[in-house]
Amino acid sequence: MVRAKASLSAEDVGWAKAYTGEVVRVFGEEFMAAADRFNEGPLLLERFKSAIEWVVSNGWAYFRAVDEAHNEMRIASALLKNVRLKFIC
């Protein structure tokens, strides 16, 4: 059950923006470097950014989607560590 909307403080919004920037930078570089093997990186990054935007607009009760998007990127990152894999969708 999702709680009622609770506004984030200015400090919370600042943290969310800094967190987003760092996550997008790290995974973006990694996904770009592996673009010849994995073309879904931009989709995962957009899903993460959208989840953060939703939290900023609607409150911490929606942070679960951020965790899920971050976990998807971590799994993709772990799989990409094996440079011999090629992902075909």
PDB file of N, CA and C in Angstrom:
ATOM      1  N   MET A   1       0.844  -1.176   0.000  1.00  0.00           N
ATOM      2  CA  MET A   1       0.000   0.000   0.000  1.00  0.00           C
ATOM      3  C   MET A   1       0.888   1.238   0.000  1.00  0.00           C
ATOM      4  N   VAL A   2       0.588   2.184  -0.860  1.00  0.00           N
ATOM      5  CA  VAL A   2       1.352   3.416  -0.974  1.00  0.00           C
ATOM      6  C   VAL A   2       0.756   4.455  -0.039  1.00  0.00           C
ATOM      7  N   ARG A   3       1.637   5.099   0.737  1.00  0.00           N
ATOM      8  CA  ARG A   3       1.194   6.140   1.668  1.00  0.00           C
ATOM      9  C   ARG A   3       0.800   7.403   0.905  1.00  0.00           C
ATOM     10  N   ALA A   4       0.178   8.289   1.605  1.00  0.00           N
ATOM     11  CA  ALA A   4      -0.210   9.572   1.011  1.00  0.00           C
ATOM     12  C   ALA A   4       1.037  10.336   0.571  1.00  0.00           C
ATOM     13  N   LYS A   5       0.861  11.200  -0.390  1.00  0.00           N
ATOM     14  CA  LYS A   5       1.949  12.000  -0.939  1.00  0.00           C
ATOM     15  C   LYS A   5       2.575  12.853   0.153  1.00  0.00           C
ATOM     16  N   ALA A   6       3.900  12.777   0.249  1.00  0.00           N
ATOM     17  CA  ALA A   6       4.640  13.601   1.198  1.00  0.00           C
ATOM     18  C   ALA A   6       5.748  14.300   0.426  1.00  0.00           C
ATOM     19  N   SER A   7       5.774  15.603   0.500  1.00  0.00           N
ATOM     20  CA  SER A   7       6.756  16.373  -0.246  1.00  0.00           C
ATOM     21  C   SER A   7       8.166  16.117   0.272  1.00  0.00           C
ATOM     22  N   LEU A   8       9.110  16.139  -0.650  1.00  0.00           N
ATOM     23  CA  LEU A   8      10.509  16.021  -0.275  1.00  0.00           C
ATOM     24  C   LEU A   8      11.032  17.403   0.093  1.00  0.00           C
ATOM     25  N   SER A   9      11.949  17.426   1.027  1.00  0.00           N
ATOM     26  CA  SER A   9      12.580  18.687   1.402  1.00  0.00           C
ATOM     27  C   SER A   9      13.548  19.108   0.301  1.00  0.00           C
ATOM     28  N   ALA A  10      13.988  20.330   0.344  1.00  0.00           N
ATOM     29  CA  ALA A  10      14.971  20.823  -0.632  1.00  0.00           C
ATOM     30  C   ALA A  10      16.251  19.990  -0.529  1.00  0.00           C
ATOM     31  N   GLU A  11      16.610  19.604   0.659  1.00  0.00           N
ATOM     32  CA  GLU A  11      17.806  18.764   0.858  1.00  0.00           C
ATOM     33  C   GLU A  11      17.607  17.394   0.205  1.00  0.00           C
ATOM     34  N   ASP A  12      16.419  16.820   0.365  1.00  0.00           N
ATOM     35  CA  ASP A  12      16.109  15.526  -0.262  1.00  0.00           C
ATOM     36  C   ASP A  12      16.178  15.623  -1.782  1.00  0.00           C
ATOM     37  N   VAL A  13      15.622  16.683  -2.332  1.00  0.00           N
ATOM     38  CA  VAL A  13      15.640  16.878  -3.787  1.00  0.00           C
ATOM     39  C   VAL A  13      17.073  17.024  -4.266  1.00  0.00           C
ATOM     40  N   GLY A  14      17.891  17.770  -3.519  1.00  0.00           N
ATOM     41  CA  GLY A  14      19.304  17.908  -3.872  1.00  0.00           C
ATOM     42  C   GLY A  14      20.017  16.579  -3.868  1.00  0.00           C
ATOM     43  N   TRP A  15      19.739  15.761  -2.852  1.00  0.00           N
ATOM     44  CA  TRP A  15      20.354  14.436  -2.780  1.00  0.00           C
ATOM     45  C   TRP A  15      19.917  13.587  -3.976  1.00  0.00           C
ATOM     46  N   ALA A  16      18.630  13.615  -4.286  1.00  0.00           N
ATOM     47  CA  ALA A  16      18.113  12.810  -5.395  1.00  0.00           C
ATOM     48  C   ALA A  16      18.766  13.218  -6.709  1.00  0.00           C
ATOM     49  N   LYS A  17      18.949  14.507  -6.928  1.00  0.00           N
ATOM     50  CA  LYS A  17      19.588  14.977  -8.160  1.00  0.00           C
ATOM     51  C   LYS A  17      21.047  14.564  -8.222  1.00  0.00           C
ATOM     52  N   ALA A  18      21.770  14.684  -7.095  1.00  0.00           N
ATOM     53  CA  ALA A  18      23.174  14.272  -7.065  1.00  0.00           C
ATOM     54  C   ALA A  18      23.298  12.764  -7.284  1.00  0.00           C
ATOM     55  N   TYR A  19      22.440  12.000  -6.635  1.00  0.00           N
ATOM     56  CA  TYR A  19      22.429  10.536  -6.789  1.00  0.00           C
ATOM     57  C   TYR A  19      22.161  10.159  -8.235  1.00  0.00           C
ATOM     58  N   THR A  20      21.173  10.802  -8.834  1.00  0.00           N
ATOM     59  CA  THR A  20      20.847  10.529 -10.238  1.00  0.00           C
ATOM     60  C   THR A  20      22.041  10.826 -11.135  1.00  0.00           C
ATOM     61  N   GLY A  21      22.668  11.959 -10.937  1.00  0.00           N
ATOM     62  CA  GLY A  21      23.808  12.330 -11.753  1.00  0.00           C
ATOM     63  C   GLY A  21      24.938  11.320 -11.682  1.00  0.00           C
ATOM     64  N   GLU A  22      25.241  10.862 -10.488  1.00  0.00           N
ATOM     65  CA  GLU A  22      26.340   9.901 -10.323  1.00  0.00           C
ATOM     66  C   GLU A  22      25.984   8.541 -10.913  1.00  0.00           C
ATOM     67  N   VAL A  23      24.785   8.072 -10.665  1.00  0.00           N
ATOM     68  CA  VAL A  23      24.361   6.777 -11.200  1.00  0.00           C
ATOM     69  C   VAL A  23      24.343   6.808 -12.730  1.00  0.00           C
ATOM     70  N   VAL A  24      23.795   7.860 -13.305  1.00  0.00           N
ATOM     71  CA  VAL A  24      23.727   7.976 -14.761  1.00  0.00           C
ATOM     72  C   VAL A  24      25.133   8.092 -15.355  1.00  0.00           C
ATOM     73  N   ARG A  25      26.011   8.808 -14.688  1.00  0.00           N
ATOM     74  CA  ARG A  25      27.376   8.937 -15.186  1.00  0.00           C
ATOM     75  C   ARG A  25      28.078   7.582 -15.216  1.00  0.00           C
ATOM     76  N   VAL A  26      28.044   6.869 -14.106  1.00  0.00           N
ATOM     77  CA  VAL A  26      28.758   5.592 -14.006  1.00  0.00           C
ATOM     78  C   VAL A  26      28.185   4.555 -14.969  1.00  0.00           C
ATOM     79  N   PHE A  27      26.887   4.326 -14.890  1.00  0.00           N
ATOM     80  CA  PHE A  27      26.291   3.307 -15.759  1.00  0.00           C
ATOM     81  C   PHE A  27      26.259   3.766 -17.220  1.00  0.00           C
ATOM     82  N   GLY A  28      26.066   5.049 -17.443  1.00  0.00           N
ATOM     83  CA  GLY A  28      26.061   5.561 -18.811  1.00  0.00           C
ATOM     84  C   GLY A  28      27.382   5.304 -19.513  1.00  0.00           C
ATOM     85  N   GLU A  29      28.482   5.552 -18.820  1.00  0.00           N
ATOM     86  CA  GLU A  29      29.806   5.281 -19.395  1.00  0.00           C
ATOM     87  C   GLU A  29      29.975   3.797 -19.697  1.00  0.00           C
ATOM     88  N   GLU A  30      29.556   2.979 -18.749  1.00  0.00           N
ATOM     89  CA  GLU A  30      29.690   1.532 -18.926  1.00  0.00           C
ATOM     90  C   GLU A  30      28.830   1.023 -20.078  1.00  0.00           C
ATOM     91  N   PHE A  31      27.597   1.471 -20.142  1.00  0.00           N
ATOM     92  CA  PHE A  31      26.703   1.022 -21.209  1.00  0.00           C
ATOM     93  C   PHE A  31      27.163   1.541 -22.571  1.00  0.00           C
ATOM     94  N   MET A  32      27.690   2.755 -22.606  1.00  0.00           N
ATOM     95  CA  MET A  32      28.186   3.306 -23.869  1.00  0.00           C
ATOM     96  C   MET A  32      29.393   2.493 -24.364  1.00  0.00           C
ATOM     97  N   ALA A  33      30.255   2.123 -23.451  1.00  0.00           N
ATOM     98  CA  ALA A  33      31.437   1.341 -23.829  1.00  0.00           C
ATOM     99  C   ALA A  33      31.054  -0.029 -24.379  1.00  0.00           C
ATOM    100  N   ALA A  34      29.909  -0.539 -23.978  1.00  0.00           N
ATOM    101  CA  ALA A  34      29.464  -1.866 -24.416  1.00  0.00           C
ATOM    102  C   ALA A  34      28.315  -1.786 -25.421  1.00  0.00           C
ATOM    103  N   ALA A  35      28.136  -0.638 -26.057  1.00  0.00           N
ATOM    104  CA  ALA A  35      26.989  -0.432 -26.953  1.00  0.00           C
ATOM    105  C   ALA A  35      26.959  -1.416 -28.114  1.00  0.00           C
ATOM    106  N   ASP A  36      28.111  -1.919 -28.516  1.00  0.00           N
ATOM    107  CA  ASP A  36      28.134  -2.884 -29.617  1.00  0.00           C
ATOM    108  C   ASP A  36      27.586  -4.251 -29.195  1.00  0.00           C
ATOM    109  N   ARG A  37      27.502  -4.480 -27.884  1.00  0.00           N
ATOM    110  CA  ARG A  37      26.983  -5.753 -27.376  1.00  0.00           C
ATOM    111  C   ARG A  37      25.650  -5.603 -26.657  1.00  0.00           C
ATOM    112  N   PHE A  38      25.331  -4.378 -26.256  1.00  0.00           N
ATOM    113  CA  PHE A  38      24.146  -4.160 -25.418  1.00  0.00           C
ATOM    114  C   PHE A  38      23.556  -2.796 -25.754  1.00  0.00           C
ATOM    115  N   ASN A  39      22.430  -2.798 -26.450  1.00  0.00           N
ATOM    116  CA  ASN A  39      21.844  -1.526 -26.880  1.00  0.00           C
ATOM    117  C   ASN A  39      20.680  -1.061 -26.010  1.00  0.00           C
ATOM    118  N   GLU A  40      20.430  -1.721 -24.905  1.00  0.00           N
ATOM    119  CA  GLU A  40      19.307  -1.356 -24.033  1.00  0.00           C
ATOM    120  C   GLU A  40      19.735  -0.447 -22.882  1.00  0.00           C
ATOM    121  N   GLY A  41      21.007  -0.062 -22.845  1.00  0.00           N
ATOM    122  CA  GLY A  41      21.491   0.806 -21.774  1.00  0.00           C
ATOM    123  C   GLY A  41      20.705   2.091 -21.638  1.00  0.00           C
ATOM    124  N   PRO A  42      20.475   2.824 -22.734  1.00  0.00           N
ATOM    125  CA  PRO A  42      19.708   4.066 -22.618  1.00  0.00           C
ATOM    126  C   PRO A  42      18.297   3.852 -22.046  1.00  0.00           C
ATOM    127  N   LEU A  43      17.679   2.749 -22.378  1.00  0.00           N
ATOM    128  CA  LEU A  43      16.349   2.445 -21.841  1.00  0.00           C
ATOM    129  C   LEU A  43      16.408   2.269 -20.323  1.00  0.00           C
ATOM    130  N   LEU A  44      17.413   1.546 -19.842  1.00  0.00           N
ATOM    131  CA  LEU A  44      17.556   1.355 -18.395  1.00  0.00           C
ATOM    132  C   LEU A  44      17.831   2.676 -17.683  1.00  0.00           C
ATOM    133  N   LEU A  45      18.664   3.515 -18.287  1.00  0.00           N
ATOM    134  CA  LEU A  45      18.961   4.819 -17.692  1.00  0.00           C
ATOM    135  C   LEU A  45      17.712   5.691 -17.635  1.00  0.00           C
ATOM    136  N   GLU A  46      16.914   5.670 -18.685  1.00  0.00           N
ATOM    137  CA  GLU A  46      15.676   6.454 -18.703  1.00  0.00           C
ATOM    138  C   GLU A  46      14.688   5.949 -17.654  1.00  0.00           C
ATOM    139  N   ARG A  47      14.602   4.637 -17.502  1.00  0.00           N
ATOM    140  CA  ARG A  47      13.704   4.072 -16.490  1.00  0.00           C
ATOM    141  C   ARG A  47      14.108   4.549 -15.095  1.00  0.00           C
ATOM    142  N   PHE A  48      15.419   4.556 -14.843  1.00  0.00           N
ATOM    143  CA  PHE A  48      15.932   5.016 -13.556  1.00  0.00           C
ATOM    144  C   PHE A  48      15.611   6.499 -13.350  1.00  0.00           C
ATOM    145  N   LYS A  49      15.902   7.335 -14.353  1.00  0.00           N
ATOM    146  CA  LYS A  49      15.655   8.774 -14.226  1.00  0.00           C
ATOM    147  C   LYS A  49      14.166   9.066 -14.034  1.00  0.00           C
ATOM    148  N   SER A  50      13.315   8.346 -14.735  1.00  0.00           N
ATOM    149  CA  SER A  50      11.870   8.536 -14.582  1.00  0.00           C
ATOM    150  C   SER A  50      11.409   8.163 -13.179  1.00  0.00           C
ATOM    151  N   ALA A  51      11.978   7.096 -12.638  1.00  0.00           N
ATOM    152  CA  ALA A  51      11.610   6.672 -11.280  1.00  0.00           C
ATOM    153  C   ALA A  51      12.022   7.734 -10.264  1.00  0.00           C
ATOM    154  N   ILE A  52      13.204   8.307 -10.433  1.00  0.00           N
ATOM    155  CA  ILE A  52      13.655   9.375  -9.529  1.00  0.00           C
ATOM    156  C   ILE A  52      12.732  10.587  -9.652  1.00  0.00           C
ATOM    157  N   GLU A  53      12.400  10.964 -10.872  1.00  0.00           N
ATOM    158  CA  GLU A  53      11.512  12.114 -11.075  1.00  0.00           C
ATOM    159  C   GLU A  53      10.163  11.884 -10.391  1.00  0.00           C
ATOM    160  N   TRP A  54       9.669  10.663 -10.459  1.00  0.00           N
ATOM    161  CA  TRP A  54       8.383  10.344  -9.826  1.00  0.00           C
ATOM    162  C   TRP A  54       8.481  10.488  -8.305  1.00  0.00           C
ATOM    163  N   VAL A  55       9.596  10.040  -7.744  1.00  0.00           N
ATOM    164  CA  VAL A  55       9.799  10.183  -6.293  1.00  0.00           C
ATOM    165  C   VAL A  55       9.860  11.656  -5.909  1.00  0.00           C
ATOM    166  N   VAL A  56      10.613  12.446  -6.672  1.00  0.00           N
ATOM    167  CA  VAL A  56      10.725  13.871  -6.375  1.00  0.00           C
ATOM    168  C   VAL A  56       9.346  14.533  -6.436  1.00  0.00           C
ATOM    169  N   SER A  57       8.532  14.123  -7.377  1.00  0.00           N
ATOM    170  CA  SER A  57       7.196  14.715  -7.529  1.00  0.00           C
ATOM    171  C   SER A  57       6.169  14.187  -6.540  1.00  0.00           C
ATOM    172  N   ASN A  58       6.337  12.923  -6.110  1.00  0.00           N
ATOM    173  CA  ASN A  58       5.267  12.273  -5.349  1.00  0.00           C
ATOM    174  C   ASN A  58       5.651  11.737  -3.979  1.00  0.00           C
ATOM    175  N   GLY A  59       6.919  11.759  -3.624  1.00  0.00           N
ATOM    176  CA  GLY A  59       7.318  11.365  -2.280  1.00  0.00           C
ATOM    177  C   GLY A  59       8.071  10.043  -2.193  1.00  0.00           C
ATOM    178  N   TRP A  60       8.671   9.863  -1.011  1.00  0.00           N
ATOM    179  CA  TRP A  60       9.529   8.688  -0.756  1.00  0.00           C
ATOM    180  C   TRP A  60       8.791   7.364  -0.868  1.00  0.00           C
ATOM    181  N   ALA A  61       7.498   7.368  -0.727  1.00  0.00           N
ATOM    182  CA  ALA A  61       6.729   6.117  -0.774  1.00  0.00           C
ATOM    183  C   ALA A  61       6.905   5.402  -2.107  1.00  0.00           C
ATOM    184  N   TYR A  62       7.378   6.115  -3.118  1.00  0.00           N
ATOM    185  CA  TYR A  62       7.542   5.535  -4.451  1.00  0.00           C
ATOM    186  C   TYR A  62       8.981   5.150  -4.770  1.00  0.00           C
ATOM    187  N   PHE A  63       9.852   5.123  -3.765  1.00  0.00           N
ATOM    188  CA  PHE A  63      11.273   4.859  -4.012  1.00  0.00           C
ATOM    189  C   PHE A  63      11.543   3.432  -4.483  1.00  0.00           C
ATOM    190  N   ARG A  64      10.629   2.548  -4.242  1.00  0.00           N
ATOM    191  CA  ARG A  64      10.806   1.145  -4.663  1.00  0.00           C
ATOM    192  C   ARG A  64      11.125   1.047  -6.158  1.00  0.00           C
ATOM    193  N   ALA A  65      10.483   1.853  -6.986  1.00  0.00           N
ATOM    194  CA  ALA A  65      10.742   1.827  -8.430  1.00  0.00           C
ATOM    195  C   ALA A  65      12.178   2.246  -8.739  1.00  0.00           C
ATOM    196  N   VAL A  66      12.731   3.158  -7.938  1.00  0.00           N
ATOM    197  CA  VAL A  66      14.131   3.561  -8.107  1.00  0.00           C
ATOM    198  C   VAL A  66      15.033   2.369  -7.815  1.00  0.00           C
ATOM    199  N   ASP A  67      14.777   1.685  -6.721  1.00  0.00           N
ATOM    200  CA  ASP A  67      15.571   0.498  -6.377  1.00  0.00           C
ATOM    201  C   ASP A  67      15.495  -0.552  -7.474  1.00  0.00           C
ATOM    202  N   GLU A  68      14.313  -0.799  -8.005  1.00  0.00           N
ATOM    203  CA  GLU A  68      14.150  -1.800  -9.059  1.00  0.00           C
ATOM    204  C   GLU A  68      14.929  -1.423 -10.311  1.00  0.00           C
ATOM    205  N   ALA A  69      14.849  -0.152 -10.717  1.00  0.00           N
ATOM    206  CA  ALA A  69      15.579   0.301 -11.898  1.00  0.00           C
ATOM    207  C   ALA A  69      17.084   0.223 -11.666  1.00  0.00           C
ATOM    208  N   HIS A  70      17.521   0.594 -10.475  1.00  0.00           N
ATOM    209  CA  HIS A  70      18.953   0.528 -10.140  1.00  0.00           C
ATOM    210  C   HIS A  70      19.431  -0.920 -10.151  1.00  0.00           C
ATOM    211  N   ASN A  71      18.638  -1.811  -9.624  1.00  0.00           N
ATOM    212  CA  ASN A  71      19.001  -3.234  -9.622  1.00  0.00           C
ATOM    213  C   ASN A  71      19.114  -3.786 -11.042  1.00  0.00           C
ATOM    214  N   GLU A  72      18.227  -3.372 -11.935  1.00  0.00           N
ATOM    215  CA  GLU A  72      18.316  -3.817 -13.335  1.00  0.00           C
ATOM    216  C   GLU A  72      19.633  -3.370 -13.958  1.00  0.00           C
ATOM    217  N   MET A  73      20.037  -2.128 -13.657  1.00  0.00           N
ATOM    218  CA  MET A  73      21.307  -1.641 -14.199  1.00  0.00           C
ATOM    219  C   MET A  73      22.489  -2.393 -13.607  1.00  0.00           C
ATOM    220  N   ARG A  74      22.415  -2.738 -12.336  1.00  0.00           N
ATOM    221  CA  ARG A  74      23.506  -3.486 -11.704  1.00  0.00           C
ATOM    222  C   ARG A  74      23.634  -4.882 -12.307  1.00  0.00           C
ATOM    223  N   ILE A  75      22.511  -5.519 -12.589  1.00  0.00           N
ATOM    224  CA  ILE A  75      22.546  -6.843 -13.215  1.00  0.00           C
ATOM    225  C   ILE A  75      23.137  -6.739 -14.612  1.00  0.00           C
ATOM    226  N   ALA A  76      22.698  -5.748 -15.382  1.00  0.00           N
ATOM    227  CA  ALA A  76      23.259  -5.555 -16.719  1.00  0.00           C
ATOM    228  C   ALA A  76      24.757  -5.306 -16.626  1.00  0.00           C
ATOM    229  N   SER A  77      25.165  -4.501 -15.677  1.00  0.00           N
ATOM    230  CA  SER A  77      26.587  -4.199 -15.489  1.00  0.00           C
ATOM    231  C   SER A  77      27.376  -5.468 -15.178  1.00  0.00           C
ATOM    232  N   ALA A  78      26.850  -6.286 -14.303  1.00  0.00           N
ATOM    233  CA  ALA A  78      27.536  -7.536 -13.954  1.00  0.00           C
ATOM    234  C   ALA A  78      27.663  -8.452 -15.164  1.00  0.00           C
ATOM    235  N   LEU A  79      26.604  -8.542 -15.954  1.00  0.00           N
ATOM    236  CA  LEU A  79      26.654  -9.377 -17.156  1.00  0.00           C
ATOM    237  C   LEU A  79      27.635  -8.823 -18.186  1.00  0.00           C
ATOM    238  N   LEU A  80      27.732  -7.519 -18.276  1.00  0.00           N
ATOM    239  CA  LEU A  80      28.628  -6.900 -19.253  1.00  0.00           C
ATOM    240  C   LEU A  80      30.100  -7.055 -18.888  1.00  0.00           C
ATOM    241  N   LYS A  81      30.381  -7.419 -17.659  1.00  0.00           N
ATOM    242  CA  LYS A  81      31.773  -7.643 -17.255  1.00  0.00           C
ATOM    243  C   LYS A  81      32.395  -8.790 -18.055  1.00  0.00           C
ATOM    244  N   ASN A  82      31.568  -9.723 -18.524  1.00  0.00           N
ATOM    245  CA  ASN A  82      32.052 -10.800 -19.391  1.00  0.00           C
ATOM    246  C   ASN A  82      32.013 -10.266 -20.814  1.00  0.00           C
ATOM    247  N   VAL A  83      33.160  -9.863 -21.322  1.00  0.00           N
ATOM    248  CA  VAL A  83      33.217  -9.189 -22.614  1.00  0.00           C
ATOM    249  C   VAL A  83      32.935 -10.117 -23.788  1.00  0.00           C
ATOM    250  N   ARG A  84      32.843 -11.402 -23.556  1.00  0.00           N
ATOM    251  CA  ARG A  84      32.555 -12.340 -24.654  1.00  0.00           C
ATOM    252  C   ARG A  84      31.065 -12.511 -24.902  1.00  0.00           C
ATOM    253  N   LEU A  85      30.229 -12.014 -23.995  1.00  0.00           N
ATOM    254  CA  LEU A  85      28.779 -12.146 -24.170  1.00  0.00           C
ATOM    255  C   LEU A  85      28.272 -11.125 -25.178  1.00  0.00           C
ATOM    256  N   LYS A  86      27.302 -11.533 -25.983  1.00  0.00           N
ATOM    257  CA  LYS A  86      26.601 -10.616 -26.875  1.00  0.00           C
ATOM    258  C   LYS A  86      25.112 -10.819 -26.626  1.00  0.00           C
ATOM    259  N   PHE A  87      24.412  -9.749 -26.308  1.00  0.00           N
ATOM    260  CA  PHE A  87      22.995  -9.826 -25.981  1.00  0.00           C
ATOM    261  C   PHE A  87      22.164  -9.539 -27.219  1.00  0.00           C
ATOM    262  N   ILE A  88      21.247 -10.425 -27.504  1.00  0.00           N
ATOM    263  CA  ILE A  88      20.394 -10.282 -28.676  1.00  0.00           C
ATOM    264  C   ILE A  88      18.948 -10.288 -28.209  1.00  0.00           C
ATOM    265  N   CYS A  89      18.218  -9.259 -28.587  1.00  0.00           N
ATOM    266  CA  CYS A  89      16.802  -9.161 -28.193  1.00  0.00           C
ATOM    267  C   CYS A  89      15.928  -9.379 -29.391  1.00  0.00           C
TER     268      CYS A  89
END
